[in-house]
Amino acid sequence: MAIEPPGSGPGYWAGGPSAVWDTDSEEIFLACRLRRPLGQGRGYAVAVARSRDGERFEPVATIGKEDMATDSLERPYLIRTAEGRWRIYLSCATPGTKHWRVEVVEAAHPAEFDPRRTEVVLPGEAKKGVKDPVILRRDDGWHMWATVHPLDDPAEADQMSTEYATSPDGMTWTWHGVALTGRPGHWDSRGTRVTSVCYGDGGIVAFYDGRASAAENYEERTGIATGTEPTVLTPVGDEAAAWSPYHGGGLRYLDILALPGGGRRLYYEMTRTDGAHELRTELRAGPC
């Protein structure tokens, strides 16, 4: 366990991880979401912490939902720019609605993130909520896979798909359509949310959260999708690749961090025996 939830029992979560290796300090910086049950705070904060070994973390910064004028904060995404500055992308629930938007805060160091200096980068639309972006900066620009929720019918707003976009600077985005969506009759039929993307010689490997019904909301399992282009990802196999053996089976928001010298560290949110979600880590050899 890397980060413990803020309480015991269903509705208490530490999860939605996003990790970055800092070449300057030779540390891992980890951003995550902290949640209490509905009526007790929901997604009340995003925390940033640092670690030498990737397992034991010390706090660096905390952004509360009251700082962002939101009902709830979802998974953050942490990244560095080519100039060496830090950004954190924050998924914010618009108060009193099912709508989601994404705002960004930039600073010279994660300890200096100031939510008073935020900018909306993904406003969503009247009938479309946008959150949980996965962002990669490559030689040809910025790439993003973001989770989209339909808002035509509030009762169906838990449905989700992943859309792909590109940007020259990580601020202004051009959308290219749906990259991954659910498959009728399968474990991921209700929704698909890309949580990490790896480029390799054989193409693209993406990990995603999926669920078969609205009842499985909050307890998604992890699947694998592949593709030769970022615009089209195809699920692999008929079953999920990973899930928790406890409670609702949730194992989600898998993030994969490439380490210097080879190997990768995995971070993910997993349901434990009492129904709370804790943030776990694994050290793996080789590519994703």
C-alpha atoms as a PDB file:
ATOM      1  CA  MET A   1       0.000   0.000   0.000  1.00  0.00           C
ATOM      2  CA  ALA A   2       1.308   3.427  -0.957  1.00  0.00           C
ATOM      3  CA  ILE A   3      -1.510   5.707   0.281  1.00  0.00           C
ATOM      4  CA  GLU A   4      -4.122   4.711   2.858  1.00  0.00           C
ATOM      5  CA  PRO A   5      -7.772   5.839   2.483  1.00  0.00           C
ATOM      6  CA  PRO A   6      -9.040   8.540   4.886  1.00  0.00           C
ATOM      7  CA  GLY A   7     -11.389   6.096   6.643  1.00  0.00           C
ATOM      8  CA  SER A   8     -12.642   2.511   6.807  1.00  0.00           C
ATOM      9  CA  GLY A   9     -15.581   1.107   4.862  1.00  0.00           C
ATOM     10  CA  PRO A  10     -17.312   1.807   1.540  1.00  0.00           C
ATOM     11  CA  GLY A  11     -16.967   5.333   0.181  1.00  0.00           C
ATOM     12  CA  TYR A  12     -13.530   6.049   1.671  1.00  0.00           C
ATOM     13  CA  TRP A  13     -10.957   6.105  -1.106  1.00  0.00           C
ATOM     14  CA  ALA A  14      -7.350   6.949  -1.812  1.00  0.00           C
ATOM     15  CA  GLY A  15      -6.842   6.454  -5.527  1.00  0.00           C
ATOM     16  CA  GLY A  16      -6.850   7.875  -9.022  1.00  0.00           C
ATOM     17  CA  PRO A  17      -3.014   7.992  -9.060  1.00  0.00           C
ATOM     18  CA  SER A  18      -0.745   9.848 -11.470  1.00  0.00           C
ATOM     19  CA  ALA A  19       3.029   9.499 -11.025  1.00  0.00           C
ATOM     20  CA  VAL A  20       6.030  11.333 -12.492  1.00  0.00           C
ATOM     21  CA  TRP A  21       9.746  10.595 -12.154  1.00  0.00           C
ATOM     22  CA  ASP A  22      11.651  13.808 -11.382  1.00  0.00           C
ATOM     23  CA  THR A  23      15.133  13.669 -12.879  1.00  0.00           C
ATOM     24  CA  ASP A  24      16.222  16.721 -10.874  1.00  0.00           C
ATOM     25  CA  SER A  25      15.591  15.297  -7.409  1.00  0.00           C
ATOM     26  CA  GLU A  26      15.560  11.604  -8.427  1.00  0.00           C
ATOM     27  CA  GLU A  27      12.212  11.156  -6.717  1.00  0.00           C
ATOM     28  CA  ILE A  28       8.733  10.036  -7.657  1.00  0.00           C
ATOM     29  CA  PHE A  29       5.976  12.600  -7.345  1.00  0.00           C
ATOM     30  CA  LEU A  30       2.507  11.119  -6.981  1.00  0.00           C
ATOM     31  CA  ALA A  31      -0.830  12.896  -7.273  1.00  0.00           C
ATOM     32  CA  CYS A  32      -3.999  11.174  -6.074  1.00  0.00           C
ATOM     33  CA  ARG A  33      -7.609  11.784  -5.117  1.00  0.00           C
ATOM     34  CA  LEU A  34      -8.987  11.504  -1.578  1.00  0.00           C
ATOM     35  CA  ARG A  35     -12.676  10.746  -1.072  1.00  0.00           C
ATOM     36  CA  ARG A  36     -15.217  10.326   1.700  1.00  0.00           C
ATOM     37  CA  PRO A  37     -18.728   8.845   1.283  1.00  0.00           C
ATOM     38  CA  LEU A  38     -21.527  10.798  -0.371  1.00  0.00           C
ATOM     39  CA  GLY A  39     -22.817  13.366   2.094  1.00  0.00           C
ATOM     40  CA  GLN A  40     -19.494  13.442   3.950  1.00  0.00           C
ATOM     41  CA  GLY A  41     -17.335  15.268   1.453  1.00  0.00           C
ATOM     42  CA  ARG A  42     -17.202  13.033  -1.653  1.00  0.00           C
ATOM     43  CA  GLY A  43     -13.956  13.820  -3.594  1.00  0.00           C
ATOM     44  CA  TYR A  44     -12.802  16.404  -1.080  1.00  0.00           C
ATOM     45  CA  ALA A  45      -9.124  16.814  -2.021  1.00  0.00           C
ATOM     46  CA  VAL A  46      -6.278  16.072  -4.399  1.00  0.00           C
ATOM     47  CA  ALA A  47      -2.963  15.362  -2.700  1.00  0.00           C
ATOM     48  CA  VAL A  48       0.580  15.462  -4.089  1.00  0.00           C
ATOM     49  CA  ALA A  49       3.359  13.531  -2.360  1.00  0.00           C
ATOM     50  CA  ARG A  50       7.008  12.621  -2.990  1.00  0.00           C
ATOM     51  CA  SER A  51       9.039   9.455  -2.458  1.00  0.00           C
ATOM     52  CA  ARG A  52      12.578   8.166  -2.890  1.00  0.00           C
ATOM     53  CA  ASP A  53      11.587   4.512  -3.164  1.00  0.00           C
ATOM     54  CA  GLY A  54       8.133   4.785  -4.743  1.00  0.00           C
ATOM     55  CA  GLU A  55       6.462   3.188  -1.726  1.00  0.00           C
ATOM     56  CA  ARG A  56       6.785   5.538   1.247  1.00  0.00           C
ATOM     57  CA  PHE A  57       5.456   9.034   0.544  1.00  0.00           C
ATOM     58  CA  GLU A  58       5.563  12.371   2.305  1.00  0.00           C
ATOM     59  CA  PRO A  59       3.011  15.150   1.559  1.00  0.00           C
ATOM     60  CA  VAL A  60       3.929  18.041  -0.705  1.00  0.00           C
ATOM     61  CA  ALA A  61       0.664  19.849  -1.458  1.00  0.00           C
ATOM     62  CA  THR A  62      -3.099  19.506  -1.059  1.00  0.00           C
ATOM     63  CA  ILE A  63      -5.822  21.114  -3.172  1.00  0.00           C
ATOM     64  CA  GLY A  64      -9.295  21.044  -1.638  1.00  0.00           C
ATOM     65  CA  LYS A  65     -12.584  21.025  -3.506  1.00  0.00           C
ATOM     66  CA  GLU A  66     -13.444  24.380  -1.917  1.00  0.00           C
ATOM     67  CA  ASP A  67     -10.402  25.815  -3.742  1.00  0.00           C
ATOM     68  CA  MET A  68     -11.830  24.762  -7.104  1.00  0.00           C
ATOM     69  CA  ALA A  69     -15.553  25.661  -6.782  1.00  0.00           C
ATOM     70  CA  THR A  70     -16.527  22.038  -7.323  1.00  0.00           C
ATOM     71  CA  ASP A  71     -18.799  19.442  -5.749  1.00  0.00           C
ATOM     72  CA  SER A  72     -16.091  16.799  -6.108  1.00  0.00           C
ATOM     73  CA  LEU A  73     -12.573  16.267  -7.427  1.00  0.00           C
ATOM     74  CA  GLU A  74     -11.788  13.189  -9.527  1.00  0.00           C
ATOM     75  CA  ARG A  75      -8.466  11.749 -10.684  1.00  0.00           C
ATOM     76  CA  PRO A  76      -5.710  14.373 -11.146  1.00  0.00           C
ATOM     77  CA  TYR A  77      -3.048  14.115 -13.837  1.00  0.00           C
ATOM     78  CA  LEU A  78       0.519  15.256 -13.159  1.00  0.00           C
ATOM     79  CA  ILE A  79       3.008  16.098 -15.927  1.00  0.00           C
ATOM     80  CA  ARG A  80       6.112  18.202 -16.677  1.00  0.00           C
ATOM     81  CA  THR A  81       6.459  20.550 -19.622  1.00  0.00           C
ATOM     82  CA  ALA A  82       9.444  20.697 -21.977  1.00  0.00           C
ATOM     83  CA  GLU A  83      10.587  23.767 -20.029  1.00  0.00           C
ATOM     84  CA  GLY A  84      10.662  21.782 -16.785  1.00  0.00           C
ATOM     85  CA  ARG A  85       7.584  23.326 -15.193  1.00  0.00           C
ATOM     86  CA  TRP A  86       4.939  21.193 -13.488  1.00  0.00           C
ATOM     87  CA  ARG A  87       1.254  20.953 -14.305  1.00  0.00           C
ATOM     88  CA  ILE A  88      -1.614  19.247 -12.556  1.00  0.00           C
ATOM     89  CA  TYR A  89      -4.851  18.710 -14.464  1.00  0.00           C
ATOM     90  CA  LEU A  90      -7.865  18.637 -12.128  1.00  0.00           C
ATOM     91  CA  SER A  91     -11.218  17.017 -12.909  1.00  0.00           C
ATOM     92  CA  CYS A  92     -13.965  19.095 -11.315  1.00  0.00           C
ATOM     93  CA  ALA A  93     -17.683  18.360 -10.898  1.00  0.00           C
ATOM     94  CA  THR A  94     -19.729  21.439 -11.731  1.00  0.00           C
ATOM     95  CA  PRO A  95     -21.871  22.182  -8.637  1.00  0.00           C
ATOM     96  CA  GLY A  96     -25.451  20.939  -8.749  1.00  0.00           C
ATOM     97  CA  THR A  97     -25.059  19.099 -12.068  1.00  0.00           C
ATOM     98  CA  LYS A  98     -23.700  15.886 -13.638  1.00  0.00           C
ATOM     99  CA  HIS A  99     -21.277  17.993 -15.692  1.00  0.00           C
ATOM    100  CA  TRP A 100     -17.488  17.677 -15.428  1.00  0.00           C
ATOM    101  CA  ARG A 101     -14.722  20.010 -16.578  1.00  0.00           C
ATOM    102  CA  VAL A 102     -10.910  19.949 -16.390  1.00  0.00           C
ATOM    103  CA  GLU A 103      -8.786  22.810 -15.072  1.00  0.00           C
ATOM    104  CA  VAL A 104      -4.997  23.097 -14.918  1.00  0.00           C
ATOM    105  CA  VAL A 105      -2.593  24.629 -12.407  1.00  0.00           C
ATOM    106  CA  GLU A 106       1.054  25.240 -13.351  1.00  0.00           C
ATOM    107  CA  ALA A 107       4.050  25.934 -11.113  1.00  0.00           C
ATOM    108  CA  ALA A 108       7.829  25.660 -10.937  1.00  0.00           C
ATOM    109  CA  HIS A 109       7.459  22.861  -8.349  1.00  0.00           C
ATOM    110  CA  PRO A 110       4.510  20.754  -7.098  1.00  0.00           C
ATOM    111  CA  ALA A 111       4.803  22.356  -3.653  1.00  0.00           C
ATOM    112  CA  GLU A 112       3.942  25.672  -5.309  1.00  0.00           C
ATOM    113  CA  PHE A 113       0.648  24.663  -6.956  1.00  0.00           C
ATOM    114  CA  ASP A 114      -1.774  27.549  -6.327  1.00  0.00           C
ATOM    115  CA  PRO A 115      -5.440  26.812  -7.135  1.00  0.00           C
ATOM    116  CA  ARG A 116      -6.082  30.558  -7.316  1.00  0.00           C
ATOM    117  CA  ARG A 117      -4.109  30.490 -10.574  1.00  0.00           C
ATOM    118  CA  THR A 118      -6.136  27.935 -12.459  1.00  0.00           C
ATOM    119  CA  GLU A 119      -7.304  27.830 -16.066  1.00  0.00           C
ATOM    120  CA  VAL A 120     -10.102  25.789 -17.642  1.00  0.00           C
ATOM    121  CA  VAL A 121      -8.662  23.717 -20.486  1.00  0.00           C
ATOM    122  CA  LEU A 122     -11.481  21.206 -21.081  1.00  0.00           C
ATOM    123  CA  PRO A 123     -14.817  22.932 -20.419  1.00  0.00           C
ATOM    124  CA  GLY A 124     -16.955  20.090 -21.731  1.00  0.00           C
ATOM    125  CA  GLU A 125     -20.318  20.904 -23.285  1.00  0.00           C
ATOM    126  CA  ALA A 126     -23.936  21.266 -22.225  1.00  0.00           C
ATOM    127  CA  LYS A 127     -24.559  17.602 -23.035  1.00  0.00           C
ATOM    128  CA  LYS A 128     -21.063  16.258 -22.474  1.00  0.00           C
ATOM    129  CA  GLY A 129     -18.946  16.080 -19.332  1.00  0.00           C
ATOM    130  CA  VAL A 130     -15.151  15.638 -19.644  1.00  0.00           C
ATOM    131  CA  LYS A 131     -12.757  14.379 -16.954  1.00  0.00           C
ATOM    132  CA  ASP A 132      -9.892  12.019 -16.072  1.00  0.00           C
ATOM    133  CA  PRO A 133      -7.464  12.978 -18.872  1.00  0.00           C
ATOM    134  CA  VAL A 134      -4.418  10.830 -19.630  1.00  0.00           C
ATOM    135  CA  ILE A 135      -1.789  13.070 -21.225  1.00  0.00           C
ATOM    136  CA  LEU A 136       1.502  12.222 -22.937  1.00  0.00           C
ATOM    137  CA  ARG A 137       4.038  14.706 -24.251  1.00  0.00           C
ATOM    138  CA  ARG A 138       5.915  13.344 -27.275  1.00  0.00           C
ATOM    139  CA  ASP A 139       8.173  14.756 -30.007  1.00  0.00           C
ATOM    140  CA  ASP A 140       5.160  15.375 -32.253  1.00  0.00           C
ATOM    141  CA  GLY A 141       3.183  17.257 -29.593  1.00  0.00           C
ATOM    142  CA  TRP A 142       0.773  16.541 -26.753  1.00  0.00           C
ATOM    143  CA  HIS A 143      -1.620  13.572 -26.821  1.00  0.00           C
ATOM    144  CA  MET A 144      -4.668  13.105 -24.617  1.00  0.00           C
ATOM    145  CA  TRP A 145      -7.268  10.410 -23.945  1.00  0.00           C
ATOM    146  CA  ALA A 146     -10.115  11.833 -21.843  1.00  0.00           C
ATOM    147  CA  THR A 147     -13.232  10.251 -20.356  1.00  0.00           C
ATOM    148  CA  VAL A 148     -16.512  11.617 -21.737  1.00  0.00           C
ATOM    149  CA  HIS A 149     -19.941  11.244 -20.104  1.00  0.00           C
ATOM    150  CA  PRO A 150     -23.224  11.881 -21.998  1.00  0.00           C
ATOM    151  CA  LEU A 151     -25.530  14.322 -20.224  1.00  0.00           C
ATOM    152  CA  ASP A 152     -28.680  14.125 -22.358  1.00  0.00           C
ATOM    153  CA  ASP A 153     -30.331  11.963 -19.688  1.00  0.00           C
ATOM    154  CA  PRO A 154     -29.056  12.494 -16.114  1.00  0.00           C
ATOM    155  CA  ALA A 155     -30.043   8.917 -15.248  1.00  0.00           C
ATOM    156  CA  GLU A 156     -27.617   7.640 -17.894  1.00  0.00           C
ATOM    157  CA  ALA A 157     -24.730  10.003 -17.113  1.00  0.00           C
ATOM    158  CA  ASP A 158     -22.622   7.207 -15.582  1.00  0.00           C
ATOM    159  CA  GLN A 159     -21.962   5.862 -19.094  1.00  0.00           C
ATOM    160  CA  MET A 160     -18.498   6.681 -20.388  1.00  0.00           C
ATOM    161  CA  SER A 161     -16.249   6.424 -23.419  1.00  0.00           C
ATOM    162  CA  THR A 162     -12.740   7.670 -24.159  1.00  0.00           C
ATOM    163  CA  GLU A 163     -12.075  10.367 -26.764  1.00  0.00           C
ATOM    164  CA  TYR A 164      -8.683  11.322 -28.187  1.00  0.00           C
ATOM    165  CA  ALA A 165      -7.280  14.830 -28.714  1.00  0.00           C
ATOM    166  CA  THR A 166      -4.005  16.535 -29.622  1.00  0.00           C
ATOM    167  CA  SER A 167      -2.404  19.844 -28.691  1.00  0.00           C
ATOM    168  CA  PRO A 168       0.736  21.872 -29.449  1.00  0.00           C
ATOM    169  CA  ASP A 169       1.044  23.032 -25.831  1.00  0.00           C
ATOM    170  CA  GLY A 170      -1.223  20.952 -23.583  1.00  0.00           C
ATOM    171  CA  MET A 171      -3.646  23.842 -23.215  1.00  0.00           C
ATOM    172  CA  THR A 172      -5.551  24.182 -26.497  1.00  0.00           C
ATOM    173  CA  TRP A 173      -6.894  20.835 -27.714  1.00  0.00           C
ATOM    174  CA  THR A 174      -8.234  19.482 -31.010  1.00  0.00           C
ATOM    175  CA  TRP A 175     -10.593  16.521 -30.677  1.00  0.00           C
ATOM    176  CA  HIS A 176     -10.353  13.537 -33.045  1.00  0.00           C
ATOM    177  CA  GLY A 177     -13.327  11.449 -31.914  1.00  0.00           C
ATOM    178  CA  VAL A 178     -13.939   8.305 -29.868  1.00  0.00           C
ATOM    179  CA  ALA A 179     -10.892   6.063 -29.380  1.00  0.00           C
ATOM    180  CA  LEU A 180     -12.430   3.418 -27.095  1.00  0.00           C
ATOM    181  CA  THR A 181     -16.004   2.538 -26.223  1.00  0.00           C
ATOM    182  CA  GLY A 182     -17.861  -0.299 -24.522  1.00  0.00           C
ATOM    183  CA  ARG A 183     -18.833  -3.568 -26.198  1.00  0.00           C
ATOM    184  CA  PRO A 184     -22.469  -4.684 -25.889  1.00  0.00           C
ATOM    185  CA  GLY A 185     -22.783  -7.917 -23.930  1.00  0.00           C
ATOM    186  CA  HIS A 186     -19.269  -7.716 -22.471  1.00  0.00           C
ATOM    187  CA  TRP A 187     -17.853  -6.837 -19.049  1.00  0.00           C
ATOM    188  CA  ASP A 188     -17.088  -3.296 -20.320  1.00  0.00           C
ATOM    189  CA  SER A 189     -20.435  -2.605 -22.032  1.00  0.00           C
ATOM    190  CA  ARG A 190     -21.442   0.320 -19.776  1.00  0.00           C
ATOM    191  CA  GLY A 191     -18.250   2.299 -20.162  1.00  0.00           C
ATOM    192  CA  THR A 192     -14.524   2.492 -20.888  1.00  0.00           C
ATOM    193  CA  ARG A 193     -12.072   4.923 -19.310  1.00  0.00           C
ATOM    194  CA  VAL A 194      -8.441   4.874 -20.494  1.00  0.00           C
ATOM    195  CA  THR A 195      -6.125   5.260 -17.484  1.00  0.00           C
ATOM    196  CA  SER A 196      -2.629   4.839 -18.958  1.00  0.00           C
ATOM    197  CA  VAL A 197      -1.036   4.564 -22.396  1.00  0.00           C
ATOM    198  CA  CYS A 198       2.309   3.051 -23.444  1.00  0.00           C
ATOM    199  CA  TYR A 199       3.979   3.435 -26.839  1.00  0.00           C
ATOM    200  CA  GLY A 200       6.210   0.598 -28.035  1.00  0.00           C
ATOM    201  CA  ASP A 201       7.700  -0.884 -31.191  1.00  0.00           C
ATOM    202  CA  GLY A 202       4.591  -3.021 -31.662  1.00  0.00           C
ATOM    203  CA  GLY A 203       2.175  -0.115 -31.361  1.00  0.00           C
ATOM    204  CA  ILE A 204       0.133   1.278 -28.486  1.00  0.00           C
ATOM    205  CA  VAL A 205      -0.977  -0.509 -25.319  1.00  0.00           C
ATOM    206  CA  ALA A 206      -3.656   1.168 -23.213  1.00  0.00           C
ATOM    207  CA  PHE A 207      -5.073   0.141 -19.861  1.00  0.00           C
ATOM    208  CA  TYR A 208      -8.656   1.078 -19.110  1.00  0.00           C
ATOM    209  CA  ASP A 209     -11.435   0.834 -16.548  1.00  0.00           C
ATOM    210  CA  GLY A 210     -14.661  -0.868 -17.581  1.00  0.00           C
ATOM    211  CA  ARG A 211     -17.997  -1.861 -16.142  1.00  0.00           C
ATOM    212  CA  ALA A 212     -21.057  -3.764 -17.348  1.00  0.00           C
ATOM    213  CA  SER A 213     -23.760  -1.882 -15.449  1.00  0.00           C
ATOM    214  CA  ALA A 214     -24.530   1.275 -13.502  1.00  0.00           C
ATOM    215  CA  ALA A 215     -24.461  -0.854 -10.345  1.00  0.00           C
ATOM    216  CA  GLU A 216     -20.742  -1.442 -10.913  1.00  0.00           C
ATOM    217  CA  ASN A 217     -20.004   2.295 -10.814  1.00  0.00           C
ATOM    218  CA  TYR A 218     -17.052   2.871  -8.430  1.00  0.00           C
ATOM    219  CA  GLU A 219     -16.005  -0.805  -8.745  1.00  0.00           C
ATOM    220  CA  GLU A 220     -14.611  -0.901 -12.285  1.00  0.00           C
ATOM    221  CA  ARG A 221     -12.128  -3.547 -13.370  1.00  0.00           C
ATOM    222  CA  THR A 222      -9.010  -3.085 -15.497  1.00  0.00           C
ATOM    223  CA  GLY A 223      -8.795  -4.122 -19.141  1.00  0.00           C
ATOM    224  CA  ILE A 224      -6.211  -3.895 -21.919  1.00  0.00           C
ATOM    225  CA  ALA A 225      -6.647  -2.365 -25.371  1.00  0.00           C
ATOM    226  CA  THR A 226      -4.177  -2.080 -28.236  1.00  0.00           C
ATOM    227  CA  GLY A 227      -3.849  -0.155 -31.471  1.00  0.00           C
ATOM    228  CA  THR A 228      -1.495   1.050 -34.163  1.00  0.00           C
ATOM    229  CA  GLU A 229      -2.922   4.574 -34.026  1.00  0.00           C
ATOM    230  CA  PRO A 230      -3.986   6.572 -30.936  1.00  0.00           C
ATOM    231  CA  THR A 231      -7.383   7.263 -32.487  1.00  0.00           C
ATOM    232  CA  VAL A 232      -8.533   3.617 -32.460  1.00  0.00           C
ATOM    233  CA  LEU A 233      -8.002   1.259 -29.523  1.00  0.00           C
ATOM    234  CA  THR A 234      -9.355  -2.304 -29.504  1.00  0.00           C
ATOM    235  CA  PRO A 235     -10.023  -4.276 -26.297  1.00  0.00           C
ATOM    236  CA  VAL A 236      -8.022  -7.480 -25.848  1.00  0.00           C
ATOM    237  CA  GLY A 237      -9.935 -10.603 -24.802  1.00  0.00           C
ATOM    238  CA  ASP A 238     -13.422 -11.191 -23.492  1.00  0.00           C
ATOM    239  CA  GLU A 239     -12.621 -10.777 -19.787  1.00  0.00           C
ATOM    240  CA  ALA A 240     -11.078  -8.070 -17.627  1.00  0.00           C
ATOM    241  CA  ALA A 241      -7.329  -8.370 -17.047  1.00  0.00           C
ATOM    242  CA  ALA A 242      -7.276  -7.464 -13.340  1.00  0.00           C
ATOM    243  CA  TRP A 243      -9.683  -6.968 -10.447  1.00  0.00           C
ATOM    244  CA  SER A 244      -9.784  -7.110  -6.659  1.00  0.00           C
ATOM    245  CA  PRO A 245     -10.873 -10.342  -4.938  1.00  0.00           C
ATOM    246  CA  TYR A 246     -12.664  -8.275  -2.294  1.00  0.00           C
ATOM    247  CA  HIS A 247     -16.027  -6.581  -1.914  1.00  0.00           C
ATOM    248  CA  GLY A 248     -17.128  -5.146  -5.312  1.00  0.00           C
ATOM    249  CA  GLY A 249     -13.988  -6.249  -7.160  1.00  0.00           C
ATOM    250  CA  GLY A 250     -12.724  -2.784  -8.052  1.00  0.00           C
ATOM    251  CA  LEU A 251      -9.207  -2.395  -9.418  1.00  0.00           C
ATOM    252  CA  ARG A 252      -9.003   0.813 -11.415  1.00  0.00           C
ATOM    253  CA  TYR A 253      -7.064   3.921 -12.461  1.00  0.00           C
ATOM    254  CA  LEU A 254      -3.936   1.912 -13.256  1.00  0.00           C
ATOM    255  CA  ASP A 255      -0.986   4.241 -13.861  1.00  0.00           C
ATOM    256  CA  ILE A 256       2.341   2.992 -15.210  1.00  0.00           C
ATOM    257  CA  LEU A 257       5.551   4.892 -14.511  1.00  0.00           C
ATOM    258  CA  ALA A 258       8.704   4.097 -16.507  1.00  0.00           C
ATOM    259  CA  LEU A 259      11.758   4.155 -14.242  1.00  0.00           C
ATOM    260  CA  PRO A 260      15.290   5.230 -15.169  1.00  0.00           C
ATOM    261  CA  GLY A 261      17.444   2.232 -15.968  1.00  0.00           C
ATOM    262  CA  GLY A 262      14.450   0.094 -16.926  1.00  0.00           C
ATOM    263  CA  GLY A 263      11.501  -1.375 -15.150  1.00  0.00           C
ATOM    264  CA  ARG A 264       8.156   0.167 -14.301  1.00  0.00           C
ATOM    265  CA  ARG A 265       6.234   0.977 -11.186  1.00  0.00           C
ATOM    266  CA  LEU A 266       2.486   0.443 -11.199  1.00  0.00           C
ATOM    267  CA  TYR A 267       0.050   2.485  -9.124  1.00  0.00           C
ATOM    268  CA  TYR A 268      -3.637   1.660  -8.902  1.00  0.00           C
ATOM    269  CA  GLU A 269      -6.743   2.006  -6.766  1.00  0.00           C
ATOM    270  CA  MET A 270      -7.984  -1.284  -5.301  1.00  0.00           C
ATOM    271  CA  THR A 271     -10.985  -2.286  -3.180  1.00  0.00           C
ATOM    272  CA  ARG A 272     -10.006  -3.965   0.084  1.00  0.00           C
ATOM    273  CA  THR A 273     -11.904  -6.294   2.416  1.00  0.00           C
ATOM    274  CA  ASP A 274     -13.871  -3.565   4.218  1.00  0.00           C
ATOM    275  CA  GLY A 275     -14.994  -1.896   0.974  1.00  0.00           C
ATOM    276  CA  ALA A 276     -12.624   1.081   1.209  1.00  0.00           C
ATOM    277  CA  HIS A 277     -10.253   1.767  -1.691  1.00  0.00           C
ATOM    278  CA  GLU A 278      -6.518   2.020  -1.082  1.00  0.00           C
ATOM    279  CA  LEU A 279      -3.737   3.123  -3.426  1.00  0.00           C
ATOM    280  CA  ARG A 280      -1.362   0.250  -4.136  1.00  0.00           C
ATOM    281  CA  THR A 281       1.937  -0.061  -5.982  1.00  0.00           C
ATOM    282  CA  GLU A 282       3.924  -2.845  -7.654  1.00  0.00           C
ATOM    283  CA  LEU A 283       7.421  -2.920  -9.115  1.00  0.00           C
ATOM    284  CA  ARG A 284       7.655  -4.701 -12.465  1.00  0.00           C
ATOM    285  CA  ALA A 285      10.490  -5.519 -14.839  1.00  0.00           C
ATOM    286  CA  GLY A 286      10.365  -4.853 -18.547  1.00  0.00           C
ATOM    287  CA  PRO A 287       7.952  -2.880 -20.715  1.00  0.00           C
ATOM    288  CA  CYS A 288       4.223  -2.484 -20.051  1.00  0.00           C
END
